């Protein structure tokens, strides 16, 4: 199971509206989980064997953000494909192979 999520506080009172400290707290939870993960500028992706494992990490990451504002926003997207693992990288590898094939084939 792959989950992409973004969690951020609002009502921080920060003049520049930066949320990097809160996001760092969430990412620390993800890293400590030991699950395969990747963080980009907009989302953190994690892979786990089942709902309970992955959603526990998302819940704890969300809770880590709560002290940084008066409310928290969570955006979540899931790819549920039973029987598959290693998809965090495998999906990107398949995409890159498809792009390479298109570039190598004559028009």
Protein backbone atom coordinates (compact mmCIF):
# COMPACT_ATOMS: atom_id res chain seq x y z
CA UNK A 1 0.00 0.00 0.00
CA UNK A 2 1.29 3.41 -0.99
CA UNK A 3 0.14 6.60 0.69
CA UNK A 4 1.01 10.10 -0.43
CA UNK A 5 0.16 12.70 2.16
CA UNK A 6 0.68 16.31 3.01
CA UNK A 7 0.08 17.67 6.47
CA UNK A 8 0.43 21.28 7.52
CA UNK A 9 -0.77 23.57 10.28
CA UNK A 10 -2.75 26.72 9.80
CA UNK A 11 -3.28 29.51 12.25
CA UNK A 12 0.44 29.47 13.00
CA UNK A 13 0.78 33.19 13.57
CA UNK A 14 3.97 33.08 11.50
CA UNK A 15 4.50 36.30 9.53
CA UNK A 16 5.92 34.46 6.50
CA UNK A 17 3.41 31.56 6.74
CA UNK A 18 6.29 29.07 6.65
CA UNK A 19 5.48 25.59 7.92
CA UNK A 20 8.88 23.92 7.54
CA UNK A 21 9.34 23.28 11.26
CA UNK A 22 5.97 21.53 11.46
CA UNK A 23 6.66 19.51 8.32
CA UNK A 24 10.04 18.53 9.75
CA UNK A 25 8.27 17.14 12.82
CA UNK A 26 5.98 15.06 10.60
CA UNK A 27 8.83 13.79 8.42
CA UNK A 28 10.78 12.80 11.53
CA UNK A 29 7.87 10.51 12.47
CA UNK A 30 7.87 8.97 9.00
CA UNK A 31 11.63 8.39 9.06
CA UNK A 32 11.47 6.84 12.52
CA UNK A 33 8.79 4.41 11.33
CA UNK A 34 11.29 2.44 9.29
CA UNK A 35 8.86 2.21 6.37
CA UNK A 36 10.11 2.98 2.86
CA UNK A 37 9.41 6.64 2.17
CA UNK A 38 10.19 9.62 -0.02
CA UNK A 39 9.61 13.31 0.70
CA UNK A 40 9.25 15.90 -2.05
CA UNK A 41 8.46 19.59 -1.94
CA UNK A 42 4.72 18.90 -1.75
CA UNK A 43 4.11 15.37 -0.39
CA UNK A 44 5.58 12.53 1.60
CA UNK A 45 5.04 9.03 0.24
CA UNK A 46 5.22 5.95 2.44
CA UNK A 47 4.81 2.27 1.67
CA UNK A 48 3.61 -0.35 4.08
CA UNK A 49 2.05 -3.79 4.18
CA UNK A 50 -1.46 -2.76 5.27
CA UNK A 51 -3.87 0.01 6.28
CA UNK A 52 -3.17 -0.19 9.99
CA UNK A 53 0.60 0.13 9.63
CA UNK A 54 0.54 3.00 7.16
CA UNK A 55 -2.33 4.94 8.71
CA UNK A 56 -0.70 4.72 12.14
CA UNK A 57 2.30 6.60 10.74
CA UNK A 58 0.05 9.18 9.06
CA UNK A 59 -1.84 9.67 12.31
CA UNK A 60 1.33 10.12 14.35
CA UNK A 61 2.78 12.51 11.74
CA UNK A 62 -0.42 14.55 11.88
CA UNK A 63 -0.30 14.63 15.67
CA UNK A 64 3.32 15.85 15.48
CA UNK A 65 2.13 18.89 13.48
CA UNK A 66 -0.74 19.81 15.82
CA UNK A 67 1.33 21.89 18.28
CA UNK A 68 2.40 24.23 15.45
CA UNK A 69 -1.00 25.80 14.77
CA UNK A 70 -4.61 26.14 15.78
CA UNK A 71 -5.70 23.57 13.18
CA UNK A 72 -4.17 20.99 10.82
CA UNK A 73 -4.88 20.19 7.19
CA UNK A 74 -4.27 16.67 5.88
CA UNK A 75 -4.36 15.68 2.20
CA UNK A 76 -4.06 11.96 1.49
CA UNK A 77 -4.00 9.77 -1.60
CA UNK A 78 -3.72 5.97 -1.50
CA UNK A 79 -2.74 3.30 -4.01
CA UNK A 80 -4.06 0.00 -2.68
CA UNK A 81 -2.65 -2.96 -4.60
CA UNK A 82 -2.66 -6.14 -2.50
CA UNK A 83 0.19 -8.55 -3.09
CA UNK A 84 2.67 -5.93 -4.28
CA UNK A 85 5.59 -4.40 -2.43
CA UNK A 86 8.51 -2.25 -3.49
CA UNK A 87 6.14 -0.09 -5.53
CA UNK A 88 7.52 3.16 -4.15
CA UNK A 89 10.41 2.78 -6.58
CA UNK A 90 8.98 0.23 -9.03
CA UNK A 91 6.22 2.55 -10.25
CA UNK A 92 8.75 5.26 -11.04
CA UNK A 93 11.06 2.72 -12.72
CA UNK A 94 8.21 1.55 -14.99
CA UNK A 95 7.39 5.15 -15.87
CA UNK A 96 10.99 5.96 -16.72
CA UNK A 97 11.23 2.82 -18.88
CA UNK A 98 8.08 3.82 -20.76
CA UNK A 99 9.44 7.33 -21.33
CA UNK A 100 12.74 5.91 -22.56
CA UNK A 101 10.94 3.57 -24.96
CA UNK A 102 8.96 6.49 -26.41
CA UNK A 103 12.11 8.54 -26.85
CA UNK A 104 13.95 5.65 -28.51
CA UNK A 105 11.16 4.69 -30.93
CA UNK A 106 10.94 6.48 -34.29
CA UNK A 107 8.00 8.82 -34.75
